[in-house]
């Protein structure tokens, strides 16, 4: 598992040789609300990440994410429209890495991927 940080919004994810790479997880909580200029990135939206790893190999088995929305310095569960926006935006970003996000009926997101290196081997 490689965990990237410092970006204020979620960045692409990929699975490389079975290992999860999170290029940027965004902020779980911040005090930037009301600062303009970055609205297209939806800095109010974020994700909580719940990876399931194989204990023997460290390979990713499953990744479920819970979409969040910051309002008045509180972390709230994102509504379905916000979750859909996050899913579409991150799926576009993850496409070059052979990954996409799927919106589940409960509003969570699931990572779907093809491990290109393992597929070639």
PDB file of N, CA and C in Angstrom:
ATOM      1  N   UNK A   1       0.855  -1.170   0.000  1.00  0.00           N
ATOM      2  CA  UNK A   1       0.000   0.000   0.000  1.00  0.00           C
ATOM      3  C   UNK A   1       0.901   1.233   0.000  1.00  0.00           C
ATOM      4  N   UNK A   2       0.706   2.099  -0.983  1.00  0.00           N
ATOM      5  CA  UNK A   2       1.424   3.373  -1.041  1.00  0.00           C
ATOM      6  C   UNK A   2       0.387   4.465  -0.841  1.00  0.00           C
ATOM      7  N   UNK A   3       0.569   5.290   0.182  1.00  0.00           N
ATOM      8  CA  UNK A   3      -0.394   6.327   0.543  1.00  0.00           C
ATOM      9  C   UNK A   3       0.181   7.700   0.222  1.00  0.00           C
ATOM     10  N   UNK A   4      -0.427   8.370  -0.750  1.00  0.00           N
ATOM     11  CA  UNK A   4      -0.010   9.728  -1.087  1.00  0.00           C
ATOM     12  C   UNK A   4      -0.813  10.733  -0.285  1.00  0.00           C
ATOM     13  N   UNK A   5      -0.230  11.890  -0.071  1.00  0.00           N
ATOM     14  CA  UNK A   5      -0.942  12.926   0.667  1.00  0.00           C
ATOM     15  C   UNK A   5      -0.549  14.289   0.119  1.00  0.00           C
ATOM     16  N   UNK A   6      -1.091  15.317   0.695  1.00  0.00           N
ATOM     17  CA  UNK A   6      -0.795  16.697   0.366  1.00  0.00           C
ATOM     18  C   UNK A   6      -1.769  17.298  -0.632  1.00  0.00           C
ATOM     19  N   UNK A   7      -2.442  16.511  -1.432  1.00  0.00           N
ATOM     20  CA  UNK A   7      -3.464  17.094  -2.303  1.00  0.00           C
ATOM     21  C   UNK A   7      -4.696  17.377  -1.438  1.00  0.00           C
ATOM     22  N   UNK A   8      -5.421  18.418  -1.753  1.00  0.00           N
ATOM     23  CA  UNK A   8      -6.598  18.770  -0.958  1.00  0.00           C
ATOM     24  C   UNK A   8      -7.861  18.115  -1.486  1.00  0.00           C
ATOM     25  N   UNK A   9      -7.750  17.344  -2.541  1.00  0.00           N
ATOM     26  CA  UNK A   9      -8.889  16.594  -3.081  1.00  0.00           C
ATOM     27  C   UNK A   9      -8.379  15.224  -3.525  1.00  0.00           C
ATOM     28  N   UNK A  10      -9.262  14.225  -3.565  1.00  0.00           N
ATOM     29  CA  UNK A  10      -8.807  12.882  -3.959  1.00  0.00           C
ATOM     30  C   UNK A  10      -8.188  12.875  -5.352  1.00  0.00           C
ATOM     31  N   UNK A  11      -7.134  12.098  -5.507  1.00  0.00           N
ATOM     32  CA  UNK A  11      -6.404  11.947  -6.767  1.00  0.00           C
ATOM     33  C   UNK A  11      -6.556  10.508  -7.253  1.00  0.00           C
ATOM     34  N   UNK A  12      -5.996  10.166  -8.420  1.00  0.00           N
ATOM     35  CA  UNK A  12      -6.169   8.814  -8.963  1.00  0.00           C
ATOM     36  C   UNK A  12      -5.636   7.710  -8.043  1.00  0.00           C
ATOM     37  N   UNK A  13      -6.138   6.506  -8.310  1.00  0.00           N
ATOM     38  CA  UNK A  13      -5.700   5.297  -7.617  1.00  0.00           C
ATOM     39  C   UNK A  13      -5.299   4.296  -8.681  1.00  0.00           C
ATOM     40  N   UNK A  14      -4.436   3.385  -8.318  1.00  0.00           N
ATOM     41  CA  UNK A  14      -4.128   2.282  -9.224  1.00  0.00           C
ATOM     42  C   UNK A  14      -3.686   1.077  -8.412  1.00  0.00           C
ATOM     43  N   UNK A  15      -3.705  -0.063  -9.065  1.00  0.00           N
ATOM     44  CA  UNK A  15      -3.188  -1.289  -8.473  1.00  0.00           C
ATOM     45  C   UNK A  15      -2.025  -1.718  -9.355  1.00  0.00           C
ATOM     46  N   UNK A  16      -0.836  -1.783  -8.763  1.00  0.00           N
ATOM     47  CA  UNK A  16       0.381  -2.134  -9.487  1.00  0.00           C
ATOM     48  C   UNK A  16       0.997  -3.352  -8.814  1.00  0.00           C
ATOM     49  N   UNK A  17       1.125  -4.424  -9.574  1.00  0.00           N
ATOM     50  CA  UNK A  17       1.645  -5.686  -9.034  1.00  0.00           C
ATOM     51  C   UNK A  17       0.901  -6.101  -7.770  1.00  0.00           C
ATOM     52  N   UNK A  18      -0.402  -5.878  -7.816  1.00  0.00           N
ATOM     53  CA  UNK A  18      -1.263  -6.289  -6.707  1.00  0.00           C
ATOM     54  C   UNK A  18      -1.342  -5.310  -5.561  1.00  0.00           C
ATOM     55  N   UNK A  19      -0.511  -4.271  -5.592  1.00  0.00           N
ATOM     56  CA  UNK A  19      -0.448  -3.329  -4.480  1.00  0.00           C
ATOM     57  C   UNK A  19      -1.216  -2.054  -4.813  1.00  0.00           C
ATOM     58  N   UNK A  20      -1.943  -1.556  -3.831  1.00  0.00           N
ATOM     59  CA  UNK A  20      -2.736  -0.345  -3.984  1.00  0.00           C
ATOM     60  C   UNK A  20      -1.845   0.888  -3.897  1.00  0.00           C
ATOM     61  N   UNK A  21      -2.008   1.794  -4.850  1.00  0.00           N
ATOM     62  CA  UNK A  21      -1.321   3.085  -4.821  1.00  0.00           C
ATOM     63  C   UNK A  21      -2.391   4.167  -4.778  1.00  0.00           C
ATOM     64  N   UNK A  22      -2.376   4.961  -3.716  1.00  0.00           N
ATOM     65  CA  UNK A  22      -3.271   6.100  -3.559  1.00  0.00           C
ATOM     66  C   UNK A  22      -2.421   7.344  -3.802  1.00  0.00           C
ATOM     67  N   UNK A  23      -2.598   7.987  -4.951  1.00  0.00           N
ATOM     68  CA  UNK A  23      -1.742   9.125  -5.300  1.00  0.00           C
ATOM     69  C   UNK A  23      -2.021  10.360  -4.462  1.00  0.00           C
ATOM     70  N   UNK A  24      -3.188  10.458  -3.941  1.00  0.00           N
ATOM     71  CA  UNK A  24      -3.535  11.571  -3.068  1.00  0.00           C
ATOM     72  C   UNK A  24      -4.913  11.331  -2.499  1.00  0.00           C
ATOM     73  N   UNK A  25      -5.010  11.307  -1.190  1.00  0.00           N
ATOM     74  CA  UNK A  25      -6.288  10.974  -0.555  1.00  0.00           C
ATOM     75  C   UNK A  25      -7.153  12.195  -0.273  1.00  0.00           C
ATOM     76  N   UNK A  26      -6.614  13.375  -0.477  1.00  0.00           N
ATOM     77  CA  UNK A  26      -7.391  14.569  -0.177  1.00  0.00           C
ATOM     78  C   UNK A  26      -7.460  14.809   1.321  1.00  0.00           C
ATOM     79  N   UNK A  27      -8.250  15.784   1.695  1.00  0.00           N
ATOM     80  CA  UNK A  27      -8.410  16.142   3.105  1.00  0.00           C
ATOM     81  C   UNK A  27      -9.647  15.460   3.671  1.00  0.00           C
ATOM     82  N   UNK A  28      -9.512  14.870   4.835  1.00  0.00           N
ATOM     83  CA  UNK A  28     -10.697  14.385   5.528  1.00  0.00           C
ATOM     84  C   UNK A  28     -11.424  15.580   6.139  1.00  0.00           C
ATOM     85  N   UNK A  29     -10.657  16.497   6.713  1.00  0.00           N
ATOM     86  CA  UNK A  29     -11.215  17.698   7.320  1.00  0.00           C
ATOM     87  C   UNK A  29     -10.230  18.835   7.097  1.00  0.00           C
ATOM     88  N   UNK A  30     -10.752  20.013   6.734  1.00  0.00           N
ATOM     89  CA  UNK A  30      -9.888  21.182   6.573  1.00  0.00           C
ATOM     90  C   UNK A  30     -10.665  22.433   6.940  1.00  0.00           C
ATOM     91  N   UNK A  31      -9.988  23.557   6.944  1.00  0.00           N
ATOM     92  CA  UNK A  31     -10.651  24.828   7.256  1.00  0.00           C
ATOM     93  C   UNK A  31     -10.629  25.766   6.053  1.00  0.00           C
ATOM     94  N   UNK A  32     -10.699  25.194   4.847  1.00  0.00           N
ATOM     95  CA  UNK A  32     -10.639  25.992   3.624  1.00  0.00           C
ATOM     96  C   UNK A  32     -12.011  26.396   3.103  1.00  0.00           C
ATOM     97  N   UNK A  33     -13.063  26.026   3.783  1.00  0.00           N
ATOM     98  CA  UNK A  33     -14.412  26.325   3.318  1.00  0.00           C
ATOM     99  C   UNK A  33     -14.566  27.830   3.096  1.00  0.00           C
ATOM    100  N   UNK A  34     -15.113  28.184   1.948  1.00  0.00           N
ATOM    101  CA  UNK A  34     -15.325  29.585   1.619  1.00  0.00           C
ATOM    102  C   UNK A  34     -14.214  30.218   0.812  1.00  0.00           C
ATOM    103  N   UNK A  35     -13.075  29.551   0.676  1.00  0.00           N
ATOM    104  CA  UNK A  35     -11.979  30.068  -0.137  1.00  0.00           C
ATOM    105  C   UNK A  35     -12.267  29.695  -1.582  1.00  0.00           C
ATOM    106  N   UNK A  36     -12.368  30.681  -2.441  1.00  0.00           N
ATOM    107  CA  UNK A  36     -12.751  30.438  -3.828  1.00  0.00           C
ATOM    108  C   UNK A  36     -11.584  30.132  -4.740  1.00  0.00           C
ATOM    109  N   UNK A  37     -11.936  29.770  -5.983  1.00  0.00           N
ATOM    110  CA  UNK A  37     -10.935  29.554  -7.006  1.00  0.00           C
ATOM    111  C   UNK A  37     -10.685  28.106  -7.363  1.00  0.00           C
ATOM    112  N   UNK A  38     -11.184  27.183  -6.567  1.00  0.00           N
ATOM    113  CA  UNK A  38     -10.927  25.759  -6.826  1.00  0.00           C
ATOM    114  C   UNK A  38     -12.222  24.945  -6.898  1.00  0.00           C
ATOM    115  N   UNK A  39     -13.321  25.612  -7.167  1.00  0.00           N
ATOM    116  CA  UNK A  39     -14.623  24.957  -7.142  1.00  0.00           C
ATOM    117  C   UNK A  39     -14.719  23.765  -8.090  1.00  0.00           C
ATOM    118  N   UNK A  40     -14.022  23.826  -9.224  1.00  0.00           N
ATOM    119  CA  UNK A  40     -14.116  22.722 -10.196  1.00  0.00           C
ATOM    120  C   UNK A  40     -13.561  21.422  -9.636  1.00  0.00           C
ATOM    121  N   UNK A  41     -12.711  21.515  -8.608  1.00  0.00           N
ATOM    122  CA  UNK A  41     -12.154  20.318  -7.972  1.00  0.00           C
ATOM    123  C   UNK A  41     -13.027  19.806  -6.828  1.00  0.00           C
ATOM    124  N   UNK A  42     -14.089  20.536  -6.524  1.00  0.00           N
ATOM    125  CA  UNK A  42     -14.997  20.168  -5.428  1.00  0.00           C
ATOM    126  C   UNK A  42     -14.217  19.887  -4.138  1.00  0.00           C
ATOM    127  N   UNK A  43     -13.511  20.907  -3.614  1.00  0.00           N
ATOM    128  CA  UNK A  43     -12.714  20.690  -2.404  1.00  0.00           C
ATOM    129  C   UNK A  43     -13.552  20.322  -1.182  1.00  0.00           C
ATOM    130  N   UNK A  44     -14.873  20.453  -1.295  1.00  0.00           N
ATOM    131  CA  UNK A  44     -15.751  20.060  -0.194  1.00  0.00           C
ATOM    132  C   UNK A  44     -15.985  18.552  -0.149  1.00  0.00           C
ATOM    133  N   UNK A  45     -15.619  17.846  -1.226  1.00  0.00           N
ATOM    134  CA  UNK A  45     -15.849  16.404  -1.291  1.00  0.00           C
ATOM    135  C   UNK A  45     -14.575  15.638  -0.976  1.00  0.00           C
ATOM    136  N   UNK A  46     -14.730  14.525  -0.322  1.00  0.00           N
ATOM    137  CA  UNK A  46     -13.587  13.686   0.023  1.00  0.00           C
ATOM    138  C   UNK A  46     -13.995  12.232   0.113  1.00  0.00           C
ATOM    139  N   UNK A  47     -13.054  11.413   0.516  1.00  0.00           N
ATOM    140  CA  UNK A  47     -13.289   9.976   0.636  1.00  0.00           C
ATOM    141  C   UNK A  47     -12.638   9.436   1.899  1.00  0.00           C
ATOM    142  N   UNK A  48     -13.283   8.449   2.486  1.00  0.00           N
ATOM    143  CA  UNK A  48     -12.656   7.618   3.511  1.00  0.00           C
ATOM    144  C   UNK A  48     -12.369   6.288   2.820  1.00  0.00           C
ATOM    145  N   UNK A  49     -11.167   5.780   2.982  1.00  0.00           N
ATOM    146  CA  UNK A  49     -10.708   4.589   2.261  1.00  0.00           C
ATOM    147  C   UNK A  49     -10.668   3.384   3.201  1.00  0.00           C
ATOM    148  N   UNK A  50     -11.213   2.258   2.731  1.00  0.00           N
ATOM    149  CA  UNK A  50     -11.244   1.033   3.517  1.00  0.00           C
ATOM    150  C   UNK A  50     -10.703  -0.121   2.670  1.00  0.00           C
ATOM    151  N   UNK A  51      -9.363  -0.265   2.608  1.00  0.00           N
ATOM    152  CA  UNK A  51      -8.783  -1.358   1.817  1.00  0.00           C
ATOM    153  C   UNK A  51      -8.821  -2.678   2.581  1.00  0.00           C
ATOM    154  N   UNK A  52      -9.017  -3.743   1.836  1.00  0.00           N
ATOM    155  CA  UNK A  52      -8.876  -5.096   2.378  1.00  0.00           C
ATOM    156  C   UNK A  52      -7.688  -5.716   1.663  1.00  0.00           C
ATOM    157  N   UNK A  53      -6.665  -6.085   2.436  1.00  0.00           N
ATOM    158  CA  UNK A  53      -5.433  -6.630   1.875  1.00  0.00           C
ATOM    159  C   UNK A  53      -5.285  -8.100   2.246  1.00  0.00           C
ATOM    160  N   UNK A  54      -4.674  -8.867   1.361  1.00  0.00           N
ATOM    161  CA  UNK A  54      -4.333 -10.256   1.652  1.00  0.00           C
ATOM    162  C   UNK A  54      -3.201 -10.237   2.675  1.00  0.00           C
ATOM    163  N   UNK A  55      -3.395 -10.881   3.826  1.00  0.00           N
ATOM    164  CA  UNK A  55      -2.385 -10.821   4.891  1.00  0.00           C
ATOM    165  C   UNK A  55      -1.088 -11.520   4.507  1.00  0.00           C
ATOM    166  N   UNK A  56      -1.143 -12.475   3.602  1.00  0.00           N
ATOM    167  CA  UNK A  56       0.065 -13.191   3.201  1.00  0.00           C
ATOM    168  C   UNK A  56       0.903 -12.455   2.183  1.00  0.00           C
ATOM    169  N   UNK A  57       0.244 -11.762   1.252  1.00  0.00           N
ATOM    170  CA  UNK A  57       0.965 -11.124   0.148  1.00  0.00           C
ATOM    171  C   UNK A  57       0.935  -9.602   0.185  1.00  0.00           C
ATOM    172  N   UNK A  58      -0.013  -9.047   0.909  1.00  0.00           N
ATOM    173  CA  UNK A  58      -0.190  -7.593   0.894  1.00  0.00           C
ATOM    174  C   UNK A  58      -0.951  -7.113  -0.323  1.00  0.00           C
ATOM    175  N   UNK A  59      -1.387  -8.049  -1.180  1.00  0.00           N
ATOM    176  CA  UNK A  59      -2.140  -7.667  -2.378  1.00  0.00           C
ATOM    177  C   UNK A  59      -3.511  -7.126  -1.999  1.00  0.00           C
ATOM    178  N   UNK A  60      -3.988  -6.196  -2.798  1.00  0.00           N
ATOM    179  CA  UNK A  60      -5.317  -5.641  -2.595  1.00  0.00           C
ATOM    180  C   UNK A  60      -6.369  -6.676  -2.965  1.00  0.00           C
ATOM    181  N   UNK A  61      -7.291  -6.896  -2.067  1.00  0.00           N
ATOM    182  CA  UNK A  61      -8.423  -7.786  -2.320  1.00  0.00           C
ATOM    183  C   UNK A  61      -9.632  -6.952  -2.722  1.00  0.00           C
ATOM    184  N   UNK A  62      -9.856  -5.855  -1.993  1.00  0.00           N
ATOM    185  CA  UNK A  62     -11.019  -5.004  -2.228  1.00  0.00           C
ATOM    186  C   UNK A  62     -10.733  -3.621  -1.657  1.00  0.00           C
ATOM    187  N   UNK A  63     -11.289  -2.608  -2.309  1.00  0.00           N
ATOM    188  CA  UNK A  63     -11.227  -1.252  -1.769  1.00  0.00           C
ATOM    189  C   UNK A  63     -12.621  -0.653  -1.841  1.00  0.00           C
ATOM    190  N   UNK A  64     -13.130  -0.309  -0.682  1.00  0.00           N
ATOM    191  CA  UNK A  64     -14.409   0.383  -0.578  1.00  0.00           C
ATOM    192  C   UNK A  64     -14.120   1.780  -0.052  1.00  0.00           C
ATOM    193  N   UNK A  65     -14.831   2.762  -0.589  1.00  0.00           N
ATOM    194  CA  UNK A  65     -14.641   4.145  -0.172  1.00  0.00           C
ATOM    195  C   UNK A  65     -15.985   4.754   0.202  1.00  0.00           C
ATOM    196  N   UNK A  66     -15.984   5.568   1.236  1.00  0.00           N
ATOM    197  CA  UNK A  66     -17.185   6.283   1.646  1.00  0.00           C
ATOM    198  C   UNK A  66     -17.018   7.746   1.265  1.00  0.00           C
ATOM    199  N   UNK A  67     -17.856   8.260   0.343  1.00  0.00           N
ATOM    200  CA  UNK A  67     -17.783   9.670  -0.041  1.00  0.00           C
ATOM    201  C   UNK A  67     -18.248  10.578   1.100  1.00  0.00           C
ATOM    202  N   UNK A  68     -17.523  11.674   1.290  1.00  0.00           N
ATOM    203  CA  UNK A  68     -17.855  12.635   2.337  1.00  0.00           C
ATOM    204  C   UNK A  68     -18.000  14.033   1.743  1.00  0.00           C
ATOM    205  N   UNK A  69     -18.674  14.881   2.501  1.00  0.00           N
ATOM    206  CA  UNK A  69     -18.825  16.282   2.122  1.00  0.00           C
ATOM    207  C   UNK A  69     -18.614  17.129   3.378  1.00  0.00           C
ATOM    208  N   UNK A  70     -17.734  18.119   3.273  1.00  0.00           N
ATOM    209  CA  UNK A  70     -17.454  19.011   4.399  1.00  0.00           C
ATOM    210  C   UNK A  70     -18.441  20.171   4.387  1.00  0.00           C
ATOM    211  N   UNK A  71     -19.075  20.388   5.514  1.00  0.00           N
ATOM    212  CA  UNK A  71     -19.964  21.533   5.682  1.00  0.00           C
ATOM    213  C   UNK A  71     -19.787  22.063   7.101  1.00  0.00           C
ATOM    214  N   UNK A  72     -19.401  23.322   7.205  1.00  0.00           N
ATOM    215  CA  UNK A  72     -19.247  23.980   8.505  1.00  0.00           C
ATOM    216  C   UNK A  72     -18.324  23.197   9.438  1.00  0.00           C
ATOM    217  N   UNK A  73     -17.170  22.798   8.885  1.00  0.00           N
ATOM    218  CA  UNK A  73     -16.140  22.072   9.628  1.00  0.00           C
ATOM    219  C   UNK A  73     -16.630  20.735  10.190  1.00  0.00           C
ATOM    220  N   UNK A  74     -17.582  20.135   9.482  1.00  0.00           N
ATOM    221  CA  UNK A  74     -18.069  18.807   9.861  1.00  0.00           C
ATOM    222  C   UNK A  74     -17.972  17.881   8.665  1.00  0.00           C
ATOM    223  N   UNK A  75     -17.571  16.654   8.927  1.00  0.00           N
ATOM    224  CA  UNK A  75     -17.516  15.641   7.880  1.00  0.00           C
ATOM    225  C   UNK A  75     -18.883  14.961   7.837  1.00  0.00           C
ATOM    226  N   UNK A  76     -19.553  15.092   6.691  1.00  0.00           N
ATOM    227  CA  UNK A  76     -20.868  14.487   6.482  1.00  0.00           C
ATOM    228  C   UNK A  76     -20.776  13.462   5.370  1.00  0.00           C
ATOM    229  N   UNK A  77     -21.683  12.522   5.373  1.00  0.00           N
ATOM    230  CA  UNK A  77     -21.751  11.575   4.262  1.00  0.00           C
ATOM    231  C   UNK A  77     -22.265  12.336   3.043  1.00  0.00           C
ATOM    232  N   UNK A  78     -21.588  12.169   1.915  1.00  0.00           N
ATOM    233  CA  UNK A  78     -21.997  12.838   0.676  1.00  0.00           C
ATOM    234  C   UNK A  78     -23.342  12.285   0.218  1.00  0.00           C
ATOM    235  N   UNK A  79     -24.140  13.143  -0.421  1.00  0.00           N
ATOM    236  CA  UNK A  79     -25.399  12.640  -0.970  1.00  0.00           C
ATOM    237  C   UNK A  79     -25.115  11.879  -2.267  1.00  0.00           C
ATOM    238  N   UNK A  80     -26.138  11.260  -2.829  1.00  0.00           N
ATOM    239  CA  UNK A  80     -25.947  10.400  -3.996  1.00  0.00           C
ATOM    240  C   UNK A  80     -25.386  11.182  -5.187  1.00  0.00           C
ATOM    241  N   UNK A  81     -25.836  12.405  -5.401  1.00  0.00           N
ATOM    242  CA  UNK A  81     -25.322  13.221  -6.501  1.00  0.00           C
ATOM    243  C   UNK A  81     -23.848  13.546  -6.331  1.00  0.00           C
ATOM    244  N   UNK A  82     -23.449  13.874  -5.114  1.00  0.00           N
ATOM    245  CA  UNK A  82     -22.040  14.155  -4.830  1.00  0.00           C
ATOM    246  C   UNK A  82     -21.189  12.897  -5.001  1.00  0.00           C
ATOM    247  N   UNK A  83     -21.716  11.762  -4.554  1.00  0.00           N
ATOM    248  CA  UNK A  83     -20.998  10.490  -4.717  1.00  0.00           C
ATOM    249  C   UNK A  83     -20.860  10.150  -6.197  1.00  0.00           C
ATOM    250  N   UNK A  84     -21.903  10.411  -6.965  1.00  0.00           N
ATOM    251  CA  UNK A  84     -21.861  10.159  -8.414  1.00  0.00           C
ATOM    252  C   UNK A  84     -20.799  11.043  -9.069  1.00  0.00           C
ATOM    253  N   UNK A  85     -20.719  12.317  -8.663  1.00  0.00           N
ATOM    254  CA  UNK A  85     -19.722  13.239  -9.211  1.00  0.00           C
ATOM    255  C   UNK A  85     -18.315  12.724  -8.909  1.00  0.00           C
ATOM    256  N   UNK A  86     -18.067  12.325  -7.658  1.00  0.00           N
ATOM    257  CA  UNK A  86     -16.750  11.793  -7.280  1.00  0.00           C
ATOM    258  C   UNK A  86     -16.410  10.544  -8.081  1.00  0.00           C
ATOM    259  N   UNK A  87     -17.376   9.654  -8.228  1.00  0.00           N
ATOM    260  CA  UNK A  87     -17.156   8.416  -8.972  1.00  0.00           C
ATOM    261  C   UNK A  87     -16.767   8.706 -10.417  1.00  0.00           C
ATOM    262  N   UNK A  88     -17.494   9.602 -11.063  1.00  0.00           N
ATOM    263  CA  UNK A  88     -17.205   9.938 -12.466  1.00  0.00           C
ATOM    264  C   UNK A  88     -15.855  10.642 -12.601  1.00  0.00           C
ATOM    265  N   UNK A  89     -15.595  11.613 -11.730  1.00  0.00           N
ATOM    266  CA  UNK A  89     -14.341  12.369 -11.814  1.00  0.00           C
ATOM    267  C   UNK A  89     -13.132  11.464 -11.583  1.00  0.00           C
ATOM    268  N   UNK A  90     -13.188  10.632 -10.571  1.00  0.00           N
ATOM    269  CA  UNK A  90     -12.048   9.757 -10.287  1.00  0.00           C
ATOM    270  C   UNK A  90     -11.918   8.634 -11.306  1.00  0.00           C
ATOM    271  N   UNK A  91     -13.033   8.160 -11.842  1.00  0.00           N
ATOM    272  CA  UNK A  91     -12.949   7.132 -12.890  1.00  0.00           C
ATOM    273  C   UNK A  91     -12.204   7.670 -14.103  1.00  0.00           C
ATOM    274  N   UNK A  92     -12.459   8.933 -14.460  1.00  0.00           N
ATOM    275  CA  UNK A  92     -11.721   9.564 -15.574  1.00  0.00           C
ATOM    276  C   UNK A  92     -10.229   9.614 -15.261  1.00  0.00           C
ATOM    277  N   UNK A  93      -9.887  10.003 -14.041  1.00  0.00           N
ATOM    278  CA  UNK A  93      -8.487  10.115 -13.634  1.00  0.00           C
ATOM    279  C   UNK A  93      -7.803   8.750 -13.536  1.00  0.00           C
ATOM    280  N   UNK A  94      -8.555   7.727 -13.176  1.00  0.00           N
ATOM    281  CA  UNK A  94      -7.992   6.381 -12.973  1.00  0.00           C
ATOM    282  C   UNK A  94      -7.913   5.564 -14.257  1.00  0.00           C
ATOM    283  N   UNK A  95      -8.624   5.985 -15.288  1.00  0.00           N
ATOM    284  CA  UNK A  95      -8.679   5.201 -16.530  1.00  0.00           C
ATOM    285  C   UNK A  95      -7.300   4.851 -17.088  1.00  0.00           C
ATOM    286  N   UNK A  96      -6.339   5.795 -17.153  1.00  0.00           N
ATOM    287  CA  UNK A  96      -5.013   5.430 -17.677  1.00  0.00           C
ATOM    288  C   UNK A  96      -4.311   4.339 -16.860  1.00  0.00           C
ATOM    289  N   UNK A  97      -4.752   4.135 -15.619  1.00  0.00           N
ATOM    290  CA  UNK A  97      -4.152   3.132 -14.745  1.00  0.00           C
ATOM    291  C   UNK A  97      -4.943   1.826 -14.728  1.00  0.00           C
ATOM    292  N   UNK A  98      -5.938   1.708 -15.612  1.00  0.00           N
ATOM    293  CA  UNK A  98      -6.730   0.482 -15.677  1.00  0.00           C
ATOM    294  C   UNK A  98      -7.696   0.319 -14.521  1.00  0.00           C
ATOM    295  N   UNK A  99      -8.172   1.429 -13.976  1.00  0.00           N
ATOM    296  CA  UNK A  99      -9.068   1.366 -12.823  1.00  0.00           C
ATOM    297  C   UNK A  99     -10.272   2.276 -13.033  1.00  0.00           C
ATOM    298  N   UNK A 100     -11.332   1.989 -12.306  1.00  0.00           N
ATOM    299  CA  UNK A 100     -12.542   2.807 -12.324  1.00  0.00           C
ATOM    300  C   UNK A 100     -13.249   2.635 -10.988  1.00  0.00           C
ATOM    301  N   UNK A 101     -14.129   3.565 -10.680  1.00  0.00           N
ATOM    302  CA  UNK A 101     -14.918   3.475  -9.460  1.00  0.00           C
ATOM    303  C   UNK A 101     -16.363   3.181  -9.825  1.00  0.00           C
ATOM    304  N   UNK A 102     -17.006   2.360  -9.009  1.00  0.00           N
ATOM    305  CA  UNK A 102     -18.401   2.001  -9.224  1.00  0.00           C
ATOM    306  C   UNK A 102     -19.194   2.472  -8.010  1.00  0.00           C
ATOM    307  N   UNK A 103     -20.300   3.146  -8.283  1.00  0.00           N
ATOM    308  CA  UNK A 103     -21.184   3.617  -7.219  1.00  0.00           C
ATOM    309  C   UNK A 103     -22.124   2.483  -6.820  1.00  0.00           C
ATOM    310  N   UNK A 104     -22.086   2.094  -5.559  1.00  0.00           N
ATOM    311  CA  UNK A 104     -22.928   1.012  -5.045  1.00  0.00           C
ATOM    312  C   UNK A 104     -24.283   1.572  -4.603  1.00  0.00           C
ATOM    313  N   UNK A 105     -25.291   0.717  -4.491  1.00  0.00           N
ATOM    314  CA  UNK A 105     -26.618   1.179  -4.059  1.00  0.00           C
ATOM    315  C   UNK A 105     -26.614   1.887  -2.702  1.00  0.00           C
ATOM    316  N   UNK A 106     -25.679   1.530  -1.816  1.00  0.00           N
ATOM    317  CA  UNK A 106     -25.631   2.170  -0.493  1.00  0.00           C
ATOM    318  C   UNK A 106     -24.885   3.504  -0.496  1.00  0.00           C
ATOM    319  N   UNK A 107     -24.429   3.958  -1.671  1.00  0.00           N
ATOM    320  CA  UNK A 107     -23.727   5.234  -1.777  1.00  0.00           C
ATOM    321  C   UNK A 107     -22.224   5.132  -1.634  1.00  0.00           C
ATOM    322  N   UNK A 108     -21.708   3.957  -1.332  1.00  0.00           N
ATOM    323  CA  UNK A 108     -20.256   3.784  -1.253  1.00  0.00           C
ATOM    324  C   UNK A 108     -19.693   3.610  -2.663  1.00  0.00           C
ATOM    325  N   UNK A 109     -18.379   3.714  -2.773  1.00  0.00           N
ATOM    326  CA  UNK A 109     -17.699   3.507  -4.050  1.00  0.00           C
ATOM    327  C   UNK A 109     -16.801   2.286  -3.922  1.00  0.00           C
ATOM    328  N   UNK A 110     -16.708   1.526  -5.003  1.00  0.00           N
ATOM    329  CA  UNK A 110     -15.831   0.355  -5.031  1.00  0.00           C
ATOM    330  C   UNK A 110     -14.852   0.522  -6.176  1.00  0.00           C
ATOM    331  N   UNK A 111     -13.597   0.183  -5.922  1.00  0.00           N
ATOM    332  CA  UNK A 111     -12.571   0.237  -6.959  1.00  0.00           C
ATOM    333  C   UNK A 111     -12.632  -1.037  -7.788  1.00  0.00           C
ATOM    334  N   UNK A 112     -12.675  -0.872  -9.096  1.00  0.00           N
ATOM    335  CA  UNK A 112     -12.568  -1.989 -10.034  1.00  0.00           C
ATOM    336  C   UNK A 112     -11.291  -1.761 -10.814  1.00  0.00           C
ATOM    337  N   UNK A 113     -10.493  -2.812 -10.991  1.00  0.00           N
ATOM    338  CA  UNK A 113      -9.198  -2.628 -11.632  1.00  0.00           C
ATOM    339  C   UNK A 113      -8.761  -3.854 -12.406  1.00  0.00           C
ATOM    340  N   UNK A 114      -7.825  -3.597 -13.309  1.00  0.00           N
ATOM    341  CA  UNK A 114      -7.072  -4.635 -13.993  1.00  0.00           C
ATOM    342  C   UNK A 114      -5.617  -4.366 -13.666  1.00  0.00           C
ATOM    343  N   UNK A 115      -4.964  -5.323 -13.047  1.00  0.00           N
ATOM    344  CA  UNK A 115      -3.547  -5.170 -12.736  1.00  0.00           C
ATOM    345  C   UNK A 115      -2.782  -5.526 -14.003  1.00  0.00           C
ATOM    346  N   UNK A 116      -2.412  -4.508 -14.775  1.00  0.00           N
ATOM    347  CA  UNK A 116      -1.797  -4.703 -16.087  1.00  0.00           C
ATOM    348  C   UNK A 116      -0.534  -5.548 -15.990  1.00  0.00           C
ATOM    349  N   UNK A 117       0.301  -5.311 -14.998  1.00  0.00           N
ATOM    350  CA  UNK A 117       1.554  -6.062 -14.862  1.00  0.00           C
ATOM    351  C   UNK A 117       1.262  -7.542 -14.640  1.00  0.00           C
ATOM    352  N   UNK A 118       0.297  -7.859 -13.771  1.00  0.00           N
ATOM    353  CA  UNK A 118      -0.039  -9.263 -13.518  1.00  0.00           C
ATOM    354  C   UNK A 118      -0.718  -9.882 -14.737  1.00  0.00           C
ATOM    355  N   UNK A 119      -1.501  -9.091 -15.476  1.00  0.00           N
ATOM    356  CA  UNK A 119      -2.191  -9.613 -16.654  1.00  0.00           C
ATOM    357  C   UNK A 119      -1.194 -10.007 -17.740  1.00  0.00           C
ATOM    358  N   UNK A 120      -0.076  -9.277 -17.839  1.00  0.00           N
ATOM    359  CA  UNK A 120       0.945  -9.559 -18.854  1.00  0.00           C
ATOM    360  C   UNK A 120       1.754 -10.795 -18.469  1.00  0.00           C
ATOM    361  N   UNK A 121       2.007 -10.969 -17.175  1.00  0.00           N
ATOM    362  CA  UNK A 121       2.864 -12.067 -16.688  1.00  0.00           C
ATOM    363  C   UNK A 121       2.304 -13.438 -16.972  1.00  0.00           C
TER     364      UNK A 121
END
